[in-house]
Amino acid sequence: MKISLPAFALLFGIGVLHGTGRIVSVEYPPSTKPGALVYGVTYNLWIPDGVKHLRAIIVHQHGCGVGACKGGETAAYDLHWQALARKWDCALLGPSYHQGEGDDCRKWCDPRNGSEKRFLQGLKDLAMKAKHPELAKIPWCLWGHSGGGFWASLMHTLHPERIVAIWFRSGTAFGYWEKGEAPKPKLSNAMFKVPMVCNPGVGERDHKRMHKAWNGTLAMFKAYRAKGAPIAFAPDPRTVHECGDSRYLAIPFFDACLDQRLPEKPRTPLRPIDGEQAWLAPLLGEKAVESEMFEGDRKQSVWLPNEKVAKAWAEYVATGVTEDHTPPPPPLRVMAKDAGNETIHLTWIAHADFESGVRQFVVYRNGKELARVPEKPKGRFGRPLFQSMSYHDTPEKPLPKMTFTDKDAPSSEGTDYAIATVNGVGEVSKLTAAVILK
C-alpha cells in the first residue's frame, strides 16, 4: 500500500515532523563550596518552535522530597503548560533537584542557600545552549508547590522586578520567617506590585501536618493585601496537599498577567498590572464583582486580574474545577506508515486545548471510530488526561506518545485514517485531514 497526504499537510514541513518545540537541558552536580547548592539539579527547558525572541520563562517548581523531585522531571514536557508558553512566546522550565531520602529540603527551597545562584547560572547556560541569549535576562512567571512555593516566596523578595506573577500552591516561607523559623528577608515596595495567587487545599486547614500550608498562605495573603498587593486567595475545596485541578485556574491567571505585564518591546521593564480590569471578592467568598462595585473591605478583598479570571475563580473555589464550553483544536497532522502484514502505524502531532488540556485522541478509519488513545485515561488526582496527572501537577511517567497501530488494516485501496482531539471536559475537535492509503 502507498500512503498519500493532502497537499496542505505537506506545508508544515520539517519543523512539524520534529514536533512543535524542543527540550534543552543542563545538569549540575552537588557543590561543597561555602554558600553553594549542596544538591545536584537538572533544568529542563521547553522552547516552542518558530520563536525568534523569547519573552518570558514559566517556571514550574516542584516541592520537597524524593517523589516531588522525580515529579519535576516531566514538568517541561507538559502539553497544557506548553500551550500557555507557546501563546506568549515563552519558555517552560522544569527544575528537578536531586534531593535524597531524608535530606534537608531547606538546603534548596531556601534560595539563599545556593539555589538562587544555581538557577541564575542555569539560565545563562541554557541561553548559550539553546542559542537564545535573552533567556538570561527575560522575566519569570513562578509556579511553586509546597517547598516550591517556599522557594518562590523568597525569590519574590530577591527579584521582584523580574517576576510577572506568582502562583503559590500550598506553600510559602512567609509563616516561617514571621515566626523566626527562617531568616526574615527584606520586603521591598516592588514586591507588592507583583500579582499573586495563594492556593491551598481546604483539606489542609485542619490537617495535623499540612495546616501550615493553609495558615501560611492565608497569613501572607492578609499581610500583602493590606499593603495593596494584587493578590488572590483561592482555596481548593476538593484537595488536601495534592495539586488537584488547580492548573485550570493557574493557567488563565498567568495568561491574564502575561497579557497585562509583558513589555511590548524587548529589554524593557514589565508593565504595571492594569487596575481598571480588576475584579474583587470577599475573602473566603464565592462571588466576584467589578472593582468599583465592591462594597467590602478592599484591604482584605480577593483581587483578580480581569473578568475572565474572576469567573473562573468563582467556579474553582466552589467546585475545584473550571468549565470549558469550547471544542479543542484538531491535531496538526497525522502520519501513517505501512508496516506490512496488514498493519498501519499512525503518529500525529497535536497542541493541547488551552482551557482544559487533552483527555484522549479518537482514531477514525474510513469515517468510523476505530480506537481511543488512551482507551481509558487515568485521573488519580484530577481530571483524566492523556498525560496522566501526578500529585505534583506534572505528567506521570512513562510519557505517552501520540501513536496507534492498526493491526487489522483493510488491504483495499482507499482506506483512510483521521484523528480528533478530546479535551479535558470531553469536547471533541474537528477531524484532521485524512491520510489515504493507495
Protein backbone atom coordinates (compact mmCIF):
# COMPACT_ATOMS: atom_id res chain seq x y z
CA MET A 1 0.00 0.00 0.00
CA LYS A 2 1.09 3.55 -0.70
CA ILE A 3 0.16 6.43 1.55
CA SER A 4 -0.79 9.86 0.26
CA LEU A 5 -1.21 13.05 2.26
CA PRO A 6 -3.39 16.03 1.45
CA ALA A 7 -1.36 18.84 -0.05
CA PHE A 8 -1.96 21.18 2.89
CA ALA A 9 -0.38 18.73 5.30
CA LEU A 10 2.91 18.93 3.44
CA LEU A 11 3.10 22.67 4.03
CA PHE A 12 4.04 22.16 7.67
CA GLY A 13 7.41 20.83 6.58
CA ILE A 14 10.31 19.57 8.61
CA GLY A 15 9.54 21.68 11.70
CA VAL A 16 6.30 19.84 12.36
CA LEU A 17 7.86 16.48 11.59
CA HIS A 18 10.17 17.16 14.51
CA GLY A 19 7.40 18.38 16.80
CA THR A 20 6.31 21.83 17.86
CA GLY A 21 9.06 22.52 20.37
CA ARG A 22 12.33 21.24 21.74
CA ILE A 23 13.80 20.40 25.14
CA VAL A 24 17.16 21.80 26.21
CA SER A 25 18.68 20.55 29.48
CA VAL A 26 21.57 21.34 31.79
CA GLU A 27 22.61 19.37 34.85
CA TYR A 28 24.84 20.35 37.76
CA PRO A 29 26.49 18.18 40.43
CA PRO A 30 26.36 18.91 44.16
CA SER A 31 28.79 21.55 45.41
CA THR A 32 30.89 21.60 48.57
CA LYS A 33 31.78 25.29 48.27
CA PRO A 34 30.52 27.57 51.08
CA GLY A 35 27.18 29.13 50.18
CA ALA A 36 26.73 26.95 47.10
CA LEU A 37 23.92 24.47 46.43
CA VAL A 38 24.69 21.18 48.15
CA TYR A 39 22.38 19.15 45.89
CA GLY A 40 22.62 18.44 42.21
CA VAL A 41 19.91 19.79 39.96
CA THR A 42 18.64 19.33 36.41
CA TYR A 43 16.91 22.12 34.49
CA ASN A 44 14.72 21.01 31.58
CA LEU A 45 13.61 23.86 29.32
CA TRP A 46 10.97 23.58 26.60
CA ILE A 47 11.15 26.14 23.79
CA PRO A 48 8.34 26.45 21.22
CA ASP A 49 9.29 26.20 17.56
CA GLY A 50 9.46 29.32 15.45
CA VAL A 51 10.13 31.83 18.24
CA LYS A 52 12.96 34.21 17.43
CA HIS A 53 12.94 36.09 20.75
CA LEU A 54 11.52 34.55 23.93
CA ARG A 55 9.53 36.96 26.11
CA ALA A 56 9.46 35.20 29.50
CA ILE A 57 10.09 31.92 31.31
CA ILE A 58 7.33 29.98 33.06
CA VAL A 59 8.99 28.19 35.99
CA HIS A 60 7.14 25.12 37.32
CA GLN A 61 8.86 24.39 40.64
CA HIS A 62 8.19 21.11 42.47
CA GLY A 63 8.10 20.67 46.22
CA CYS A 64 10.16 18.82 48.83
CA GLY A 65 11.04 15.15 48.90
CA VAL A 66 12.20 12.47 46.52
CA GLY A 67 8.76 11.98 44.96
CA ALA A 68 8.35 15.68 44.26
CA CYS A 69 11.82 15.89 42.73
CA LYS A 70 11.01 12.99 40.42
CA GLY A 71 7.70 14.63 39.58
CA GLY A 72 9.58 17.72 38.48
CA GLU A 73 11.45 15.72 35.84
CA THR A 74 8.45 15.85 33.49
CA ALA A 75 7.25 19.43 34.09
CA ALA A 76 8.73 20.82 30.87
CA TYR A 77 7.01 18.07 28.84
CA ASP A 78 3.50 19.05 29.97
CA LEU A 79 1.31 19.72 26.92
CA HIS A 80 -1.08 22.06 28.74
CA TRP A 81 1.61 24.27 30.27
CA GLN A 82 3.33 24.24 26.88
CA ALA A 83 0.15 25.71 25.38
CA LEU A 84 0.43 28.68 27.74
CA ALA A 85 4.12 29.12 26.94
CA ARG A 86 3.51 28.88 23.20
CA LYS A 87 0.76 31.52 23.27
CA TRP A 88 3.10 34.14 24.73
CA ASP A 89 6.41 33.10 23.12
CA CYS A 90 7.66 31.85 26.48
CA ALA A 91 9.92 29.01 27.53
CA LEU A 92 8.72 26.43 30.09
CA LEU A 93 11.27 25.47 32.75
CA GLY A 94 11.02 22.39 34.96
CA PRO A 95 13.76 22.18 37.61
CA SER A 96 14.38 18.85 39.33
CA TYR A 97 16.56 18.87 42.44
CA HIS A 98 18.50 15.73 43.34
CA GLN A 99 17.33 15.60 46.95
CA GLY A 100 17.76 12.22 48.60
CA GLU A 101 15.51 10.46 51.09
CA GLY A 102 15.74 12.27 54.42
CA ASP A 103 17.76 15.19 53.03
CA ASP A 104 17.02 18.69 54.31
CA CYS A 105 14.76 20.40 51.77
CA ARG A 106 15.68 23.85 53.08
CA LYS A 107 19.11 23.37 51.53
CA TRP A 108 17.45 24.06 48.16
CA CYS A 109 13.97 25.50 48.80
CA ASP A 110 15.53 28.50 50.54
CA PRO A 111 17.20 30.14 47.52
CA ARG A 112 19.65 31.90 49.82
CA ASN A 113 21.29 28.50 50.36
CA GLY A 114 22.61 28.40 46.81
CA SER A 115 19.63 27.55 44.60
CA GLU A 116 19.17 31.20 43.54
CA LYS A 117 22.73 31.37 42.21
CA ARG A 118 22.43 27.96 40.56
CA PHE A 119 19.12 28.97 38.97
CA LEU A 120 20.64 32.13 37.50
CA GLN A 121 23.65 30.16 36.29
CA GLY A 122 21.30 27.61 34.74
CA LEU A 123 19.51 30.32 32.79
CA LYS A 124 22.82 31.65 31.45
CA ASP A 125 23.97 28.18 30.42
CA LEU A 126 20.61 27.34 28.86
CA ALA A 127 20.75 30.63 26.98
CA MET A 128 24.03 29.60 25.39
CA LYS A 129 22.99 26.02 24.72
CA ALA A 130 19.63 27.00 23.21
CA LYS A 131 21.11 29.94 21.27
CA HIS A 132 18.59 32.24 22.94
CA PRO A 133 20.76 34.78 24.83
CA GLU A 134 17.65 36.57 26.11
CA LEU A 135 16.95 33.65 28.48
CA ALA A 136 19.45 35.11 30.94
CA LYS A 137 17.55 38.41 31.19
CA ILE A 138 13.83 37.93 30.46
CA PRO A 139 11.19 37.89 33.26
CA TRP A 140 9.66 34.90 35.00
CA CYS A 141 6.28 33.51 35.95
CA LEU A 142 6.80 31.45 39.11
CA TRP A 143 4.57 28.48 39.97
CA GLY A 144 5.51 26.63 43.14
CA HIS A 145 4.01 23.71 45.03
CA SER A 146 4.74 23.26 48.74
CA GLY A 147 8.52 23.71 49.03
CA GLY A 148 8.39 25.21 45.56
CA GLY A 149 6.04 27.86 46.94
CA PHE A 150 8.52 28.43 49.78
CA TRP A 151 11.22 28.95 47.13
CA ALA A 152 9.03 31.26 45.03
CA SER A 153 8.13 33.44 48.02
CA LEU A 154 11.80 34.08 48.74
CA MET A 155 12.70 34.61 45.08
CA HIS A 156 9.92 37.20 45.17
CA THR A 157 11.87 39.12 47.82
CA LEU A 158 15.12 38.86 45.83
CA HIS A 159 13.92 39.61 42.28
CA PRO A 160 10.51 41.34 42.30
CA GLU A 161 11.35 43.35 39.19
CA ARG A 162 11.78 40.16 37.13
CA ILE A 163 8.57 38.43 38.17
CA VAL A 164 5.44 38.67 36.02
CA ALA A 165 3.23 36.79 38.50
CA ILE A 166 3.38 34.04 41.15
CA TRP A 167 1.15 31.05 41.96
CA PHE A 168 1.63 29.62 45.47
CA ARG A 169 0.17 26.12 45.58
CA SER A 170 0.13 25.07 49.24
CA GLY A 171 3.39 26.72 50.15
CA THR A 172 5.19 29.91 51.21
CA ALA A 173 8.06 30.82 53.51
CA PHE A 174 6.06 33.74 54.96
CA GLY A 175 4.81 31.99 58.10
CA TYR A 176 8.24 30.55 58.81
CA TRP A 177 10.09 33.85 58.63
CA GLU A 178 7.39 35.62 60.64
CA LYS A 179 7.83 33.04 63.43
CA GLY A 180 11.62 33.25 63.29
CA GLU A 181 11.94 29.73 61.86
CA ALA A 182 13.72 31.09 58.77
CA PRO A 183 15.78 34.28 58.32
CA LYS A 184 13.38 37.14 57.60
CA PRO A 185 14.07 38.79 54.25
CA LYS A 186 13.77 42.47 53.43
CA LEU A 187 10.40 43.27 51.90
CA SER A 188 10.54 45.98 49.23
CA ASN A 189 7.74 48.10 47.80
CA ALA A 190 8.39 46.47 44.41
CA MET A 191 7.18 43.14 45.82
CA PHE A 192 3.69 44.47 46.31
CA LYS A 193 3.26 45.25 42.64
CA VAL A 194 3.58 41.59 41.57
CA PRO A 195 0.24 39.78 41.02
CA MET A 196 -0.09 36.60 43.08
CA VAL A 197 -2.48 33.78 43.98
CA CYS A 198 -2.43 31.76 47.21
CA ASN A 199 -3.95 28.34 46.50
CA PRO A 200 -4.07 25.94 49.47
CA GLY A 201 -6.31 22.89 49.69
CA VAL A 202 -9.29 23.27 52.03
CA GLY A 203 -8.36 19.87 53.46
CA GLU A 204 -5.11 21.39 54.75
CA ARG A 205 -6.92 23.80 57.07
CA ASP A 206 -7.47 21.28 59.88
CA HIS A 207 -4.87 18.72 58.80
CA LYS A 208 -2.46 17.68 61.55
CA ARG A 209 0.63 18.08 59.37
CA MET A 210 -0.44 20.21 56.40
CA HIS A 211 -2.22 23.01 58.28
CA LYS A 212 0.91 25.17 57.99
CA ALA A 213 0.32 25.46 54.24
CA TRP A 214 -3.18 26.84 54.83
CA ASN A 215 -2.16 29.11 57.70
CA GLY A 216 0.94 30.41 55.94
CA THR A 217 -0.71 31.27 52.64
CA LEU A 218 -3.69 32.87 54.38
CA ALA A 219 -1.44 34.98 56.63
CA MET A 220 0.65 36.06 53.65
CA PHE A 221 -2.46 36.96 51.69
CA LYS A 222 -3.76 39.16 54.52
CA ALA A 223 -0.41 40.87 55.10
CA TYR A 224 0.32 41.54 51.43
CA ARG A 225 -3.22 42.59 50.56
CA ALA A 226 -3.18 45.09 53.44
CA LYS A 227 -0.22 46.72 51.68
CA GLY A 228 -2.19 46.97 48.45
CA ALA A 229 -0.64 43.98 46.69
CA PRO A 230 -2.66 42.45 43.82
CA ILE A 231 -3.13 39.06 45.44
CA ALA A 232 -5.91 36.45 45.49
CA PHE A 233 -6.85 33.66 47.86
CA ALA A 234 -8.24 30.63 46.02
CA PRO A 235 -8.85 27.66 48.35
CA ASP A 236 -9.33 24.34 46.57
CA PRO A 237 -12.44 22.64 48.01
CA ARG A 238 -11.52 19.15 46.76
CA THR A 239 -7.93 18.67 47.87
CA VAL A 240 -5.52 18.47 50.77
CA HIS A 241 -1.88 18.96 49.73
CA GLU A 242 -2.08 17.45 46.23
CA CYS A 243 -2.39 19.90 43.33
CA GLY A 244 -5.69 18.54 42.03
CA ASP A 245 -7.14 20.50 39.11
CA SER A 246 -5.57 23.82 40.13
CA ARG A 247 -3.98 24.25 36.69
CA TYR A 248 -7.37 25.16 35.24
CA LEU A 249 -7.25 28.38 37.23
CA ALA A 250 -3.47 28.86 37.33
CA ILE A 251 -3.09 28.87 33.54
CA PRO A 252 -5.77 31.54 32.89
CA PHE A 253 -4.32 33.60 35.76
CA PHE A 254 -0.85 33.59 34.20
CA ASP A 255 -2.43 34.20 30.80
CA ALA A 256 -4.07 37.40 32.08
CA CYS A 257 -0.92 38.59 33.83
CA LEU A 258 1.30 37.95 30.80
CA ASP A 259 -1.19 39.88 28.69
CA GLN A 260 -1.13 42.88 31.02
CA ARG A 261 2.51 42.89 32.07
CA LEU A 262 4.80 41.73 29.27
CA PRO A 263 6.58 44.69 27.67
CA GLU A 264 5.76 45.49 24.08
CA LYS A 265 9.46 45.87 23.27
CA PRO A 266 12.29 43.51 24.34
CA ARG A 267 14.65 44.57 27.12
CA THR A 268 12.18 47.00 28.68
CA PRO A 269 10.62 46.78 32.18
CA LEU A 270 7.47 44.84 32.95
CA ARG A 271 4.32 46.91 32.70
CA PRO A 272 2.25 47.52 35.85
CA ILE A 273 -0.90 45.48 36.28
CA ASP A 274 -3.99 47.13 34.78
CA GLY A 275 -6.09 48.12 37.80
CA GLU A 276 -9.06 49.09 35.65
CA GLN A 277 -9.61 45.44 34.69
CA ALA A 278 -9.60 44.17 38.29
CA TRP A 279 -12.44 42.31 39.97
CA LEU A 280 -12.74 41.87 43.74
CA ALA A 281 -14.36 39.32 46.04
CA PRO A 282 -14.70 38.89 49.81
CA LEU A 283 -12.14 36.63 51.47
CA LEU A 284 -13.47 33.03 51.53
CA GLY A 285 -16.43 34.15 49.41
CA GLU A 286 -17.51 32.73 46.06
CA LYS A 287 -18.66 35.76 44.08
CA ALA A 288 -16.53 38.49 42.50
CA VAL A 289 -17.64 41.84 41.11
CA GLU A 290 -16.01 44.67 39.20
CA SER A 291 -13.63 46.62 41.42
CA GLU A 292 -15.72 49.80 41.55
CA MET A 293 -18.81 47.81 42.59
CA PHE A 294 -17.15 46.07 45.56
CA GLU A 295 -18.59 47.24 48.89
CA GLY A 296 -16.47 45.30 51.38
CA ASP A 297 -13.05 45.88 52.96
CA ARG A 298 -10.77 46.37 49.97
CA LYS A 299 -7.65 45.72 52.07
CA GLN A 300 -8.87 42.19 52.77
CA SER A 301 -10.54 41.57 49.41
CA VAL A 302 -9.54 38.88 46.94
CA TRP A 303 -8.01 40.60 43.91
CA LEU A 304 -8.46 39.10 40.44
CA PRO A 305 -6.86 40.45 37.25
CA ASN A 306 -9.90 40.53 34.95
CA GLU A 307 -13.46 39.35 34.42
CA LYS A 308 -12.48 36.06 32.78
CA VAL A 309 -10.26 35.01 35.68
CA ALA A 310 -12.85 36.24 38.19
CA LYS A 311 -15.48 33.94 36.71
CA ALA A 312 -13.04 31.02 36.61
CA TRP A 313 -12.08 31.72 40.25
CA ALA A 314 -15.75 31.64 41.30
CA GLU A 315 -16.20 28.24 39.64
CA TYR A 316 -12.98 26.91 41.11
CA VAL A 317 -13.49 27.89 44.76
CA ALA A 318 -16.99 26.37 44.59
CA THR A 319 -16.19 23.12 42.76
CA GLY A 320 -12.41 22.67 42.45
CA VAL A 321 -12.56 22.85 38.64
CA THR A 322 -13.41 25.33 35.90
CA GLU A 323 -15.72 24.78 32.95
CA ASP A 324 -14.83 24.74 29.25
CA HIS A 325 -17.59 25.00 26.65
CA THR A 326 -15.44 25.20 23.53
CA PRO A 327 -14.02 22.35 21.42
CA PRO A 328 -10.26 21.83 21.22
CA PRO A 329 -8.19 22.42 18.10
CA PRO A 330 -7.73 19.32 15.91
CA PRO A 331 -4.31 17.68 15.71
CA LEU A 332 -1.93 19.48 13.37
CA ARG A 333 -1.10 16.47 11.27
CA VAL A 334 -1.47 12.70 11.11
CA MET A 335 1.14 10.46 9.50
CA ALA A 336 0.88 6.79 8.55
CA LYS A 337 3.47 4.08 7.92
CA ASP A 338 2.73 0.77 6.25
CA ALA A 339 4.40 -1.81 8.50
CA GLY A 340 3.35 -4.79 6.35
CA ASN A 341 1.13 -7.73 7.28
CA GLU A 342 -1.98 -5.52 7.12
CA THR A 343 -0.52 -3.30 9.85
CA ILE A 344 -0.56 0.51 9.73
CA HIS A 345 1.34 2.60 12.28
CA LEU A 346 -0.14 6.06 12.88
CA THR A 347 1.55 9.03 14.54
CA TRP A 348 0.29 12.57 14.95
CA ILE A 349 1.15 15.96 16.38
CA ALA A 350 -1.28 17.97 18.50
CA HIS A 351 -1.43 21.02 20.72
CA ALA A 352 -3.34 20.93 24.00
CA ASP A 353 -6.65 22.71 24.32
CA PHE A 354 -5.81 25.97 26.08
CA GLU A 355 -8.74 25.84 28.51
CA SER A 356 -8.80 22.19 29.57
CA GLY A 357 -5.90 20.27 28.06
CA VAL A 358 -6.16 16.87 26.34
CA ARG A 359 -8.09 13.85 27.63
CA GLN A 360 -7.50 11.50 24.69
CA PHE A 361 -7.47 11.14 20.92
CA VAL A 362 -10.03 9.40 18.71
CA VAL A 363 -8.75 7.40 15.73
CA TYR A 364 -11.11 7.12 12.76
CA ARG A 365 -10.84 4.64 9.89
CA ASN A 366 -13.00 5.25 6.84
CA GLY A 367 -15.04 7.77 8.81
CA LYS A 368 -15.85 5.44 11.71
CA GLU A 369 -14.35 5.43 15.18
CA LEU A 370 -11.68 2.75 15.45
CA ALA A 371 -9.98 3.41 18.77
CA ARG A 372 -9.26 5.90 21.55
CA VAL A 373 -5.78 6.76 22.80
CA PRO A 374 -5.58 6.08 25.66
CA GLU A 375 -8.61 3.81 25.83
CA LYS A 376 -9.27 4.74 29.47
CA PRO A 377 -7.45 7.90 30.59
CA LYS A 378 -6.41 7.96 34.25
CA GLY A 379 -7.19 10.74 36.70
CA ARG A 380 -5.94 9.85 40.18
CA PHE A 381 -5.51 13.47 41.26
CA GLY A 382 -7.89 15.32 38.93
CA ARG A 383 -9.50 15.04 35.54
CA PRO A 384 -8.47 12.01 33.46
CA LEU A 385 -5.95 13.18 30.87
CA PHE A 386 -3.81 11.92 28.00
CA GLN A 387 -0.80 12.79 30.16
CA SER A 388 -1.99 11.29 33.45
CA MET A 389 -1.52 13.90 36.17
CA SER A 390 0.60 13.33 39.26
CA TYR A 391 0.27 14.65 42.82
CA HIS A 392 2.68 17.41 41.75
CA ASP A 393 0.79 18.81 38.71
CA THR A 394 3.19 17.10 36.33
CA PRO A 395 2.72 14.25 33.83
CA GLU A 396 3.23 10.73 35.15
CA LYS A 397 5.94 8.55 33.62
CA PRO A 398 6.16 6.96 31.15
CA LEU A 399 5.13 9.89 28.99
CA PRO A 400 2.53 8.74 26.44
CA LYS A 401 3.14 9.02 22.71
CA MET A 402 0.73 10.17 20.05
CA THR A 403 0.70 6.84 18.23
CA PHE A 404 -1.66 3.99 17.33
CA THR A 405 -1.07 0.73 15.48
CA ASP A 406 -3.91 -0.74 13.43
CA LYS A 407 -3.09 -4.45 13.35
CA ASP A 408 -6.10 -5.36 11.24
CA ALA A 409 -5.94 -2.77 8.48
CA PRO A 410 -8.00 -3.43 5.33
CA SER A 411 -5.85 -4.36 2.35
CA SER A 412 -8.08 -2.49 -0.09
CA GLU A 413 -7.08 0.82 -1.59
CA GLY A 414 -8.87 3.94 -0.46
CA THR A 415 -8.73 3.22 3.27
CA ASP A 416 -8.26 6.47 5.16
CA TYR A 417 -7.38 7.50 8.70
CA ALA A 418 -8.07 10.70 10.63
CA ILE A 419 -7.65 11.82 14.24
CA ALA A 420 -9.70 14.04 16.58
CA THR A 421 -8.71 15.53 19.95
CA VAL A 422 -10.88 15.22 23.05
CA ASN A 423 -10.25 17.97 25.58
CA GLY A 424 -10.28 17.70 29.36
CA VAL A 425 -14.06 18.09 29.66
CA GLY A 426 -14.95 15.75 26.79
CA GLU A 427 -15.46 18.21 23.92
CA VAL A 428 -14.30 16.75 20.58
CA SER A 429 -12.41 18.61 17.87
CA LYS A 430 -12.91 18.52 14.14
CA LEU A 431 -11.10 15.71 12.32
CA THR A 432 -7.71 16.11 10.76
CA ALA A 433 -7.48 15.81 7.01
CA ALA A 434 -7.40 12.11 6.18
CA VAL A 435 -4.37 10.06 5.30
CA ILE A 436 -5.44 7.88 2.35
CA LEU A 437 -3.93 4.51 1.52
CA LYS A 438 -3.42 3.82 -2.20
